[in-house]
Protein backbone atom coordinates (compact mmCIF):
# COMPACT_ATOMS: atom_id res chain seq x y z
CA MET A 1 -49.66 -37.99 -45.18
CA GLU A 2 -47.03 -39.30 -42.72
CA ILE A 3 -45.92 -42.90 -42.98
CA ARG A 4 -44.02 -44.36 -39.98
CA LEU A 5 -42.49 -47.87 -39.45
CA LEU A 6 -43.23 -48.92 -35.90
CA GLY A 7 -42.18 -52.59 -36.03
CA THR A 8 -40.01 -54.06 -38.74
CA GLY A 9 -39.14 -57.40 -37.26
CA THR A 10 -40.54 -60.93 -36.95
CA PRO A 11 -41.87 -63.00 -33.97
CA THR A 12 -38.20 -63.46 -32.87
CA PRO A 13 -37.58 -61.36 -29.74
CA SER A 14 -35.45 -58.34 -30.48
CA LEU A 15 -34.66 -54.95 -28.81
CA LYS A 16 -33.77 -53.51 -32.26
CA ARG A 17 -36.77 -54.63 -34.19
CA MET A 18 -40.25 -54.86 -32.73
CA SER A 19 -42.84 -57.04 -34.39
CA SER A 20 -45.00 -55.77 -37.30
CA GLY A 21 -46.73 -52.39 -37.01
CA TYR A 22 -47.10 -49.46 -39.37
CA MET A 23 -48.73 -46.08 -38.90
CA VAL A 24 -50.20 -43.63 -41.40
CA ARG A 25 -51.48 -40.23 -40.61
CA VAL A 26 -54.13 -38.78 -42.93
CA GLY A 27 -55.63 -35.47 -41.92
CA ASP A 28 -56.94 -35.94 -38.28
CA ASP A 29 -56.81 -39.72 -38.57
CA VAL A 30 -54.17 -41.89 -37.13
CA ILE A 31 -54.29 -45.30 -38.88
CA LEU A 32 -52.46 -48.34 -37.71
CA PHE A 33 -51.74 -51.47 -39.89
CA ASP A 34 -51.11 -54.33 -37.62
CA HIS A 35 -50.00 -54.02 -34.03
CA GLY A 36 -47.56 -56.76 -32.98
CA SER A 37 -45.42 -57.11 -29.94
CA GLY A 38 -43.51 -53.85 -29.29
CA ALA A 39 -45.41 -51.71 -31.93
CA TYR A 40 -47.27 -49.93 -29.11
CA HIS A 41 -43.97 -48.87 -27.49
CA ARG A 42 -42.64 -47.60 -30.81
CA MET A 43 -45.91 -45.71 -31.31
CA LEU A 44 -45.28 -43.82 -28.00
CA GLU A 45 -41.68 -43.21 -29.03
CA ALA A 46 -43.02 -41.64 -32.22
CA GLY A 47 -44.93 -39.19 -30.12
CA VAL A 48 -48.42 -40.57 -30.74
CA LYS A 49 -50.74 -41.38 -27.81
CA PRO A 50 -53.23 -44.30 -27.90
CA THR A 51 -56.09 -41.73 -27.61
CA GLN A 52 -54.96 -40.38 -31.01
CA VAL A 53 -55.41 -43.59 -32.92
CA THR A 54 -58.67 -43.74 -34.78
CA HIS A 55 -58.52 -46.83 -37.01
CA VAL A 56 -56.72 -50.18 -36.91
CA PHE A 57 -56.35 -52.73 -39.86
CA PHE A 58 -55.12 -56.15 -39.26
CA THR A 59 -53.68 -58.11 -42.22
CA HIS A 60 -53.93 -61.62 -40.42
CA LEU A 61 -54.00 -62.91 -36.90
CA HIS A 62 -50.54 -64.36 -36.35
CA TYR A 63 -49.62 -63.04 -32.95
CA ASP A 64 -46.66 -60.95 -34.16
CA HIS A 65 -49.31 -58.71 -35.94
CA CYS A 66 -51.88 -58.42 -33.23
CA VAL A 67 -50.63 -59.13 -29.70
CA ASP A 68 -50.47 -55.31 -28.69
CA TYR A 69 -54.15 -54.98 -29.73
CA PRO A 70 -55.40 -55.32 -26.16
CA ARG A 71 -52.95 -52.80 -24.87
CA LEU A 72 -53.99 -50.39 -27.39
CA LEU A 73 -57.56 -50.66 -26.98
CA LEU A 74 -57.52 -50.76 -22.99
CA THR A 75 -55.30 -47.85 -22.70
CA ARG A 76 -57.12 -45.74 -25.38
CA TRP A 77 -60.44 -46.50 -23.58
CA ASP A 78 -59.00 -45.82 -20.10
CA GLN A 79 -57.16 -42.63 -20.98
CA GLY A 80 -59.93 -41.32 -23.27
CA ALA A 81 -62.38 -41.36 -20.37
CA GLY A 82 -65.40 -41.56 -22.54
CA GLU A 83 -64.55 -38.41 -24.38
CA ILE A 84 -63.32 -39.92 -27.73
CA PRO A 85 -65.04 -42.13 -30.35
CA GLU A 86 -64.83 -45.82 -30.08
CA LEU A 87 -61.79 -47.38 -31.90
CA LYS A 88 -62.66 -48.61 -35.48
CA VAL A 89 -61.18 -52.07 -35.99
CA TYR A 90 -60.90 -53.97 -39.30
CA GLY A 91 -59.41 -57.32 -40.01
CA PRO A 92 -59.92 -60.85 -41.41
CA PRO A 93 -62.56 -63.21 -39.94
CA HIS A 94 -61.96 -64.08 -36.33
CA ILE A 95 -61.20 -60.49 -35.38
CA ALA A 96 -64.77 -59.92 -34.10
CA ARG A 97 -64.61 -63.14 -32.13
CA MET A 98 -61.15 -62.20 -30.71
CA THR A 99 -62.44 -58.73 -29.62
CA GLU A 100 -65.42 -60.39 -27.94
CA LEU A 101 -63.17 -62.97 -26.15
CA LEU A 102 -60.97 -60.23 -24.82
CA PHE A 103 -63.40 -57.35 -23.96
CA SER A 104 -66.96 -58.62 -23.46
CA ARG A 105 -68.60 -58.96 -19.96
CA GLU A 106 -67.47 -62.61 -20.05
CA GLY A 107 -64.09 -61.83 -21.70
CA VAL A 108 -60.49 -62.25 -20.61
CA TYR A 109 -60.38 -58.64 -19.19
CA SER A 110 -63.88 -58.53 -17.71
CA PRO A 111 -62.67 -58.50 -14.04
CA ASP A 112 -60.32 -55.48 -14.86
CA LEU A 113 -63.16 -53.76 -16.71
CA ALA A 114 -65.70 -54.33 -13.97
CA ALA A 115 -63.35 -52.85 -11.45
CA ARG A 116 -62.62 -49.89 -13.72
CA THR A 117 -66.30 -49.19 -14.25
CA GLU A 118 -67.69 -50.02 -10.85
CA HIS A 119 -65.10 -49.50 -8.10
CA PRO A 120 -65.17 -46.03 -6.35
CA LEU A 121 -61.38 -45.70 -6.70
CA SER A 122 -61.58 -46.13 -10.42
CA GLN A 123 -64.63 -44.00 -10.82
CA ASP A 124 -62.80 -41.19 -9.01
CA ILE A 125 -59.92 -41.47 -11.40
CA PHE A 126 -62.31 -41.57 -14.32
CA GLU A 127 -64.06 -38.36 -13.19
CA ALA A 128 -60.76 -36.58 -12.62
CA ARG A 129 -59.96 -37.38 -16.26
CA GLY A 130 -63.22 -35.69 -17.31
CA GLY A 131 -65.37 -38.68 -17.49
CA VAL A 132 -69.06 -38.68 -16.65
CA LEU A 133 -70.56 -41.54 -14.63
CA PRO A 134 -71.73 -44.21 -15.31
CA ARG A 135 -68.80 -45.40 -17.16
CA LYS A 136 -69.37 -47.46 -20.31
CA TRP A 137 -67.38 -50.58 -21.22
CA PRO A 138 -65.28 -50.33 -24.32
CA ALA A 139 -67.28 -51.14 -27.44
CA PRO A 140 -64.88 -51.06 -30.47
CA GLU A 141 -66.52 -50.96 -33.88
CA VAL A 142 -65.40 -54.13 -35.55
CA ALA A 143 -65.76 -55.13 -39.19
CA GLU A 144 -64.46 -58.31 -40.75
CA LEU A 145 -63.04 -58.03 -44.23
CA ARG A 146 -62.58 -60.41 -47.13
CA SER A 147 -60.54 -59.92 -50.41
CA GLY A 148 -62.07 -57.06 -52.54
CA ALA A 149 -63.54 -55.21 -49.58
CA VAL A 150 -63.28 -51.44 -49.52
CA VAL A 151 -63.41 -49.20 -46.40
CA GLU A 152 -64.20 -45.58 -47.26
CA GLN A 153 -63.77 -42.69 -44.71
CA PRO A 154 -63.75 -39.02 -45.30
CA GLY A 155 -60.45 -38.17 -47.00
CA TRP A 156 -59.21 -41.79 -47.64
CA LYS A 157 -60.16 -45.33 -48.63
CA VAL A 158 -58.55 -48.73 -47.99
CA THR A 159 -58.86 -51.76 -50.31
CA ALA A 160 -58.11 -55.26 -49.27
CA VAL A 161 -56.88 -58.22 -51.24
CA SER A 162 -56.03 -61.89 -50.36
CA VAL A 163 -52.27 -62.65 -50.25
CA PRO A 164 -50.63 -66.03 -49.96
CA HIS A 165 -49.22 -66.72 -46.56
CA ALA A 166 -50.88 -69.16 -43.99
CA GLN A 167 -54.09 -70.33 -45.64
CA PRO A 168 -56.35 -72.12 -44.90
CA GLN A 169 -55.79 -71.70 -41.16
CA LEU A 170 -55.65 -67.92 -41.42
CA VAL A 171 -57.19 -65.48 -43.89
CA CYS A 172 -54.39 -63.14 -44.96
CA LEU A 173 -54.85 -59.76 -46.47
CA GLY A 174 -52.78 -56.96 -48.02
CA TYR A 175 -54.05 -53.43 -47.94
CA ARG A 176 -53.81 -50.30 -50.07
CA LEU A 177 -54.70 -46.72 -48.68
CA ASP A 178 -55.40 -44.07 -51.01
CA ALA A 179 -55.87 -40.43 -50.24
CA PRO A 180 -55.47 -37.12 -52.07
CA GLU A 181 -51.98 -36.75 -50.52
CA GLY A 182 -50.71 -40.14 -51.84
CA SER A 183 -51.04 -43.97 -51.65
CA PHE A 184 -49.61 -46.53 -49.33
CA THR A 185 -49.68 -50.33 -49.84
CA TYR A 186 -48.78 -52.90 -47.22
CA SER A 187 -48.29 -56.54 -48.14
CA GLY A 188 -48.87 -58.01 -44.57
CA ASP A 189 -46.97 -61.33 -44.56
CA CYS A 190 -47.04 -62.37 -48.17
CA GLY A 191 -45.21 -64.63 -50.68
CA PRO A 192 -44.90 -63.61 -54.30
CA SER A 193 -48.35 -62.41 -55.37
CA LYS A 194 -49.69 -60.99 -58.71
CA ALA A 195 -52.73 -59.80 -56.90
CA LEU A 196 -50.49 -57.81 -54.43
CA ALA A 197 -48.55 -56.40 -57.33
CA GLU A 198 -51.74 -55.17 -59.06
CA LEU A 199 -53.04 -53.74 -55.68
CA ALA A 200 -49.71 -51.79 -55.43
CA ARG A 201 -49.65 -50.59 -59.08
CA GLY A 202 -48.41 -47.01 -59.07
CA SER A 203 -48.25 -46.68 -55.28
CA ASP A 204 -46.18 -43.92 -53.78
CA VAL A 205 -44.97 -46.49 -50.92
CA LEU A 206 -44.99 -50.26 -50.82
CA VAL A 207 -44.05 -51.88 -47.57
CA HIS A 208 -43.32 -55.50 -48.36
CA MET A 209 -42.38 -58.44 -46.19
CA CYS A 210 -38.76 -59.62 -46.96
CA HIS A 211 -38.20 -62.68 -44.89
CA TYR A 212 -35.06 -64.28 -46.18
CA LEU A 213 -32.29 -64.15 -48.92
CA SER A 214 -33.80 -65.51 -52.03
CA GLY A 215 -32.50 -68.98 -52.72
CA THR A 216 -32.08 -69.99 -49.06
CA GLU A 217 -35.75 -70.69 -48.37
CA LEU A 218 -36.31 -73.76 -46.17
CA SER A 219 -39.03 -75.48 -48.10
CA PRO A 220 -41.49 -74.78 -51.05
CA ALA A 221 -44.11 -73.92 -48.44
CA LEU A 222 -41.97 -71.19 -47.09
CA ALA A 223 -41.20 -69.76 -50.59
CA LYS A 224 -44.88 -69.74 -51.44
CA GLY A 225 -46.02 -67.85 -48.18
CA CYS A 226 -43.03 -65.67 -47.45
CA ALA A 227 -40.94 -63.44 -49.95
CA GLY A 228 -37.26 -63.29 -50.32
CA HIS A 229 -35.42 -60.20 -51.34
CA LEU A 230 -35.33 -60.76 -55.13
CA GLU A 231 -39.10 -61.54 -55.22
CA VAL A 232 -39.83 -58.32 -53.29
CA ALA A 233 -37.79 -56.40 -55.86
CA ARG A 234 -39.72 -57.98 -58.72
CA VAL A 235 -43.11 -57.03 -57.23
CA GLY A 236 -41.84 -53.43 -56.63
CA GLN A 237 -40.79 -53.20 -60.24
CA GLU A 238 -43.79 -54.87 -61.72
CA ALA A 239 -46.08 -52.62 -59.79
CA GLY A 240 -44.17 -49.44 -60.62
CA VAL A 241 -44.11 -48.18 -57.05
CA LYS A 242 -42.17 -45.05 -56.24
CA ASN A 243 -40.76 -46.14 -52.87
CA LEU A 244 -40.13 -49.79 -51.84
CA VAL A 245 -39.72 -50.65 -48.23
CA VAL A 246 -38.08 -53.92 -47.01
CA SER A 247 -39.65 -54.96 -43.75
CA HIS A 248 -40.34 -58.04 -41.52
CA THR A 249 -36.59 -58.61 -41.72
CA THR A 250 -34.87 -61.67 -40.13
CA GLU A 251 -31.52 -61.85 -38.61
CA GLN A 252 -30.20 -63.61 -41.65
CA MET A 253 -29.97 -60.46 -43.64
CA ASP A 254 -29.73 -57.97 -40.90
CA VAL A 255 -25.92 -58.03 -40.66
CA PRO A 256 -23.56 -55.25 -41.80
CA GLY A 257 -22.47 -55.93 -45.28
CA VAL A 258 -25.38 -58.35 -45.95
CA ARG A 259 -27.79 -55.49 -45.71
CA GLU A 260 -25.79 -53.58 -48.37
CA ARG A 261 -25.68 -56.77 -50.59
CA VAL A 262 -29.50 -57.06 -50.24
CA ILE A 263 -29.90 -53.46 -51.45
CA ARG A 264 -27.42 -53.82 -54.31
CA GLU A 265 -28.98 -56.98 -55.67
CA MET A 266 -32.53 -55.63 -55.27
CA ALA A 267 -31.52 -52.43 -57.15
CA GLU A 268 -30.47 -54.54 -60.10
CA ILE A 269 -34.17 -55.34 -60.49
CA TYR A 270 -35.99 -52.47 -58.86
CA THR A 271 -35.27 -49.00 -60.23
CA GLY A 272 -37.28 -46.73 -57.76
CA ASN A 273 -36.40 -45.58 -54.28
CA LEU A 274 -35.32 -48.48 -51.92
CA PHE A 275 -35.43 -48.51 -48.21
CA PHE A 276 -34.03 -51.14 -45.85
CA GLY A 277 -36.68 -50.46 -43.09
CA GLU A 278 -35.85 -49.74 -39.54
CA ASP A 279 -38.15 -49.13 -36.55
CA LEU A 280 -39.39 -45.54 -36.32
CA MET A 281 -38.22 -44.76 -39.88
CA GLN A 282 -40.41 -42.28 -41.62
CA ILE A 283 -40.96 -43.02 -45.35
CA PRO A 284 -41.57 -40.12 -47.80
CA ILE A 285 -44.41 -39.92 -50.41
CA GLY A 286 -42.01 -38.43 -52.89
CA ASP A 287 -38.40 -38.83 -53.47
CA PRO A 288 -35.99 -38.90 -50.46
CA LEU A 289 -34.03 -35.72 -50.17
CA PRO A 290 -30.63 -35.39 -48.73
CA ALA A 291 -30.17 -33.44 -45.52
CA LYS A 292 -28.30 -29.96 -45.49
CA LEU A 293 -24.49 -30.43 -45.53
CA ASP A 294 -23.15 -28.40 -42.57
């Protein structure tokens, strides 16, 4: 199992931190969890082509978690030239409607798709890539999930649970992936949550939103729907996870010296392996090992 952080930032534009996106490889499957702005670019930097992606799970439909979805689906379909299976897409209610509004024959991208399937120029390119006419429109396999849903595939399964964030306007989920190689839990955007801690119990890796320095929250509503660094540490300790990753990080704590303070204060609560997430960081299933000293 390979776990790679693609985007560890927030909606705030940044060249250092792209918006939310995480990638897990299990066997021949490449599974994405969220695909916010810039996550696609980081995926390419990680050496993964869109045609290699097999499954996508969206935690919720804030734009910083899903805005690169059209780019992923369209380039995967275009480059795949009808030779790869349709993308399997999972997410909260409205993901099916979003997909329809984007990619149906009356959707946002319908003129583009009409040209790519019907114009001789595009048909020539399609055939040059190995496609056989007539060219079919993209038809992603979309399933909407609620809390408690389980998605099982050969070699792995994903379990969903409701987490507190932006309800009732958005259904917000956290996910746990279990495979023989290990377990990965992702909070999505999430405030302190006993349900998430229970989902993550014993996980090899927990990636958790860490939006601000605890005690500086702007309002009770923010404290309920977004976690601070001490709350994240408590969840990791309560769940007994092996590796805890701080992500969805704001500029408030992403400052030299402050980052180290965050790690120090969290380590007073959480006793496992602690990571201050960065884009393209690879997270081990086991303990991190030092590199060879030359």
